[in-house]
Amino acid sequence: MSSHPLHTHIARELKTLRQARGISVHQMARRLRVDRKAVYQVEDASRSREFHLQTIINYAEALGADLHIEFREKQDERVAAMEGK
């Protein structure tokens, strides 16, 4: 079973941000008060998983980053609405 594209994107973003900040997996685990295995599991984009929102919030806080969530209509629905369908 493959990961949902959003899960894959989030995992990659979290790992990229951590690495850009120069924070090791060990340091991140200490900041989150989890073991290193938990950090690897969250950042492994190849695994199928569900993220809890709190996990993402905790990561953002531990990295000193702001978290923004945006909801948008799907592209095909916007085109149909503009065409009056």
N, C-alpha and C. Protein backbone atom coordinates (compact mmCIF):
# COMPACT_ATOMS: atom_id res chain seq x y z
N MET A 1 0.84 -1.18 0.00
CA MET A 1 0.00 0.00 0.00
C MET A 1 0.89 1.24 0.00
N SER A 2 0.67 2.14 -0.93
CA SER A 2 1.52 3.32 -1.03
C SER A 2 0.97 4.47 -0.20
N SER A 3 1.83 5.41 0.09
CA SER A 3 1.45 6.57 0.88
C SER A 3 0.56 7.50 0.07
N HIS A 4 -0.30 8.21 0.76
CA HIS A 4 -1.10 9.27 0.14
C HIS A 4 -0.13 10.38 -0.26
N PRO A 5 -0.33 11.01 -1.41
CA PRO A 5 0.59 12.06 -1.86
C PRO A 5 0.80 13.17 -0.82
N LEU A 6 -0.23 13.51 -0.08
CA LEU A 6 -0.09 14.55 0.94
C LEU A 6 0.83 14.08 2.07
N HIS A 7 0.70 12.83 2.49
CA HIS A 7 1.57 12.29 3.53
C HIS A 7 3.02 12.31 3.08
N THR A 8 3.24 11.92 1.83
CA THR A 8 4.59 11.92 1.26
C THR A 8 5.16 13.34 1.25
N HIS A 9 4.35 14.29 0.84
CA HIS A 9 4.78 15.69 0.79
C HIS A 9 5.13 16.20 2.19
N ILE A 10 4.28 15.92 3.16
CA ILE A 10 4.53 16.38 4.53
C ILE A 10 5.81 15.77 5.08
N ALA A 11 5.99 14.47 4.88
CA ALA A 11 7.19 13.80 5.38
C ALA A 11 8.44 14.42 4.79
N ARG A 12 8.42 14.67 3.49
CA ARG A 12 9.59 15.28 2.83
C ARG A 12 9.83 16.70 3.34
N GLU A 13 8.76 17.46 3.52
CA GLU A 13 8.90 18.84 4.01
C GLU A 13 9.49 18.86 5.42
N LEU A 14 9.02 17.97 6.28
CA LEU A 14 9.53 17.93 7.65
C LEU A 14 11.02 17.58 7.66
N LYS A 15 11.39 16.60 6.88
CA LYS A 15 12.80 16.19 6.83
C LYS A 15 13.67 17.29 6.24
N THR A 16 13.20 17.89 5.16
CA THR A 16 13.95 18.97 4.51
C THR A 16 14.15 20.15 5.45
N LEU A 17 13.10 20.52 6.16
CA LEU A 17 13.19 21.65 7.09
C LEU A 17 14.16 21.33 8.23
N ARG A 18 14.06 20.12 8.76
CA ARG A 18 14.98 19.72 9.84
C ARG A 18 16.42 19.80 9.37
N GLN A 19 16.68 19.23 8.20
CA GLN A 19 18.04 19.23 7.67
C GLN A 19 18.53 20.65 7.36
N ALA A 20 17.66 21.48 6.82
CA ALA A 20 18.03 22.87 6.51
C ALA A 20 18.40 23.65 7.77
N ARG A 21 17.80 23.27 8.89
CA ARG A 21 18.09 23.92 10.16
C ARG A 21 19.35 23.33 10.81
N GLY A 22 19.92 22.29 10.19
CA GLY A 22 21.13 21.67 10.73
C GLY A 22 20.87 20.85 11.98
N ILE A 23 19.66 20.31 12.09
CA ILE A 23 19.27 19.53 13.27
C ILE A 23 19.35 18.06 12.92
N SER A 24 20.08 17.30 13.72
CA SER A 24 20.22 15.86 13.48
C SER A 24 18.96 15.13 13.93
N VAL A 25 18.84 13.89 13.51
CA VAL A 25 17.70 13.06 13.95
C VAL A 25 17.74 12.92 15.47
N HIS A 26 18.92 12.72 16.02
CA HIS A 26 19.06 12.59 17.47
C HIS A 26 18.60 13.86 18.18
N GLN A 27 19.00 15.02 17.68
CA GLN A 27 18.59 16.29 18.29
C GLN A 27 17.08 16.49 18.16
N MET A 28 16.54 16.12 17.01
CA MET A 28 15.09 16.27 16.81
C MET A 28 14.33 15.38 17.77
N ALA A 29 14.80 14.16 17.94
CA ALA A 29 14.16 13.24 18.88
C ALA A 29 14.16 13.82 20.29
N ARG A 30 15.28 14.41 20.68
CA ARG A 30 15.35 15.03 22.02
C ARG A 30 14.37 16.19 22.14
N ARG A 31 14.28 17.02 21.10
CA ARG A 31 13.35 18.16 21.12
C ARG A 31 11.90 17.70 21.23
N LEU A 32 11.59 16.59 20.57
CA LEU A 32 10.22 16.07 20.57
C LEU A 32 9.94 15.13 21.74
N ARG A 33 11.01 14.76 22.46
CA ARG A 33 10.92 13.81 23.57
C ARG A 33 10.38 12.45 23.10
N VAL A 34 10.98 12.01 21.98
CA VAL A 34 10.67 10.69 21.42
C VAL A 34 12.00 10.02 21.10
N ASP A 35 11.95 8.74 20.71
CA ASP A 35 13.21 8.10 20.29
C ASP A 35 13.45 8.38 18.81
N ARG A 36 14.67 8.12 18.37
CA ARG A 36 15.05 8.40 16.99
C ARG A 36 14.19 7.62 15.99
N LYS A 37 13.78 6.44 16.37
CA LYS A 37 12.94 5.62 15.48
C LYS A 37 11.66 6.37 15.11
N ALA A 38 11.08 7.08 16.06
CA ALA A 38 9.86 7.83 15.80
C ALA A 38 10.10 8.94 14.77
N VAL A 39 11.26 9.60 14.85
CA VAL A 39 11.59 10.65 13.89
C VAL A 39 11.76 10.03 12.50
N TYR A 40 12.50 8.93 12.43
CA TYR A 40 12.68 8.26 11.14
C TYR A 40 11.33 7.84 10.55
N GLN A 41 10.44 7.34 11.37
CA GLN A 41 9.13 6.90 10.87
C GLN A 41 8.32 8.05 10.31
N VAL A 42 8.33 9.19 10.97
CA VAL A 42 7.58 10.35 10.48
C VAL A 42 8.17 10.85 9.17
N GLU A 43 9.49 10.85 9.08
CA GLU A 43 10.16 11.42 7.91
C GLU A 43 10.31 10.44 6.75
N ASP A 44 9.93 9.21 6.92
CA ASP A 44 10.06 8.20 5.86
C ASP A 44 8.89 8.33 4.89
N ALA A 45 9.12 9.03 3.79
CA ALA A 45 8.05 9.30 2.82
C ALA A 45 7.59 8.06 2.07
N SER A 46 8.35 6.98 2.14
CA SER A 46 7.98 5.78 1.39
C SER A 46 6.98 4.90 2.13
N ARG A 47 6.75 5.18 3.40
CA ARG A 47 5.84 4.35 4.19
C ARG A 47 4.41 4.89 4.14
N SER A 48 3.47 3.99 4.20
CA SER A 48 2.07 4.39 4.28
C SER A 48 1.76 4.74 5.73
N ARG A 49 1.19 5.89 5.94
CA ARG A 49 0.92 6.32 7.31
C ARG A 49 -0.16 7.39 7.33
N GLU A 50 -0.66 7.61 8.50
CA GLU A 50 -1.54 8.75 8.73
C GLU A 50 -0.84 9.64 9.74
N PHE A 51 -0.83 10.92 9.48
CA PHE A 51 -0.24 11.88 10.41
C PHE A 51 -1.32 12.42 11.32
N HIS A 52 -0.98 12.54 12.57
CA HIS A 52 -1.85 13.27 13.48
C HIS A 52 -1.46 14.74 13.37
N LEU A 53 -2.42 15.60 13.38
CA LEU A 53 -2.14 17.03 13.29
C LEU A 53 -1.19 17.46 14.40
N GLN A 54 -1.35 16.92 15.59
CA GLN A 54 -0.49 17.29 16.70
C GLN A 54 0.97 16.96 16.43
N THR A 55 1.23 15.88 15.71
CA THR A 55 2.61 15.53 15.35
C THR A 55 3.22 16.63 14.49
N ILE A 56 2.47 17.11 13.52
CA ILE A 56 2.96 18.15 12.62
C ILE A 56 3.16 19.46 13.39
N ILE A 57 2.23 19.77 14.28
CA ILE A 57 2.36 20.97 15.12
C ILE A 57 3.61 20.88 15.98
N ASN A 58 3.84 19.73 16.60
CA ASN A 58 5.02 19.53 17.44
C ASN A 58 6.31 19.70 16.65
N TYR A 59 6.35 19.14 15.44
CA TYR A 59 7.52 19.28 14.58
C TYR A 59 7.78 20.75 14.29
N ALA A 60 6.73 21.47 13.88
CA ALA A 60 6.88 22.89 13.55
C ALA A 60 7.42 23.67 14.75
N GLU A 61 6.86 23.42 15.91
CA GLU A 61 7.33 24.12 17.11
C GLU A 61 8.77 23.78 17.43
N ALA A 62 9.14 22.50 17.32
CA ALA A 62 10.50 22.07 17.62
C ALA A 62 11.51 22.65 16.64
N LEU A 63 11.04 22.96 15.43
CA LEU A 63 11.92 23.53 14.41
C LEU A 63 11.86 25.06 14.37
N GLY A 64 11.03 25.65 15.21
CA GLY A 64 10.89 27.10 15.20
C GLY A 64 10.25 27.61 13.93
N ALA A 65 9.31 26.84 13.40
CA ALA A 65 8.65 27.18 12.13
C ALA A 65 7.17 27.45 12.36
N ASP A 66 6.60 28.26 11.49
CA ASP A 66 5.16 28.48 11.49
C ASP A 66 4.50 27.41 10.64
N LEU A 67 3.32 26.98 11.05
CA LEU A 67 2.55 26.01 10.28
C LEU A 67 1.32 26.69 9.73
N HIS A 68 1.15 26.59 8.41
CA HIS A 68 -0.03 27.16 7.75
C HIS A 68 -0.73 26.04 6.99
N ILE A 69 -2.04 25.98 7.15
CA ILE A 69 -2.84 24.99 6.42
C ILE A 69 -3.83 25.75 5.57
N GLU A 70 -3.91 25.37 4.31
CA GLU A 70 -4.79 26.06 3.37
C GLU A 70 -5.65 25.03 2.65
N PHE A 71 -6.92 25.33 2.55
CA PHE A 71 -7.82 24.47 1.81
C PHE A 71 -8.21 25.20 0.52
N ARG A 72 -8.16 24.46 -0.59
CA ARG A 72 -8.50 25.02 -1.90
C ARG A 72 -9.40 24.04 -2.63
N GLU A 73 -10.21 24.59 -3.52
CA GLU A 73 -11.00 23.72 -4.38
C GLU A 73 -10.06 22.99 -5.31
N LYS A 74 -10.46 21.80 -5.71
CA LYS A 74 -9.68 21.07 -6.70
C LYS A 74 -9.74 21.82 -8.01
N GLN A 75 -8.68 21.75 -8.78
CA GLN A 75 -8.56 22.51 -10.02
C GLN A 75 -9.72 22.26 -10.97
N ASP A 76 -10.13 21.02 -11.17
CA ASP A 76 -11.20 20.72 -12.13
C ASP A 76 -12.53 21.30 -11.67
N GLU A 77 -12.75 21.41 -10.35
CA GLU A 77 -14.00 21.98 -9.85
C GLU A 77 -14.02 23.50 -10.07
N ARG A 78 -12.85 24.16 -9.97
CA ARG A 78 -12.80 25.60 -10.22
C ARG A 78 -13.08 25.90 -11.68
N VAL A 79 -12.56 25.12 -12.58
CA VAL A 79 -12.79 25.32 -14.01
C VAL A 79 -14.27 25.12 -14.32
N ALA A 80 -14.88 24.10 -13.77
CA ALA A 80 -16.31 23.84 -14.00
C ALA A 80 -17.15 25.00 -13.47
N ALA A 81 -16.79 25.55 -12.29
CA ALA A 81 -17.54 26.65 -11.71
C ALA A 81 -17.44 27.91 -12.58
N MET A 82 -16.27 28.16 -13.13
CA MET A 82 -16.09 29.32 -14.00
C MET A 82 -16.86 29.18 -15.30
N GLU A 83 -17.01 27.94 -15.76
CA GLU A 83 -17.72 27.70 -17.01
C GLU A 83 -19.22 27.57 -16.79
N GLY A 84 -19.66 27.68 -15.52
CA GLY A 84 -21.08 27.63 -15.20
C GLY A 84 -21.67 26.25 -15.26
N LYS A 85 -20.86 25.24 -15.04
CA LYS A 85 -21.34 23.86 -15.11
C LYS A 85 -21.78 23.39 -13.75
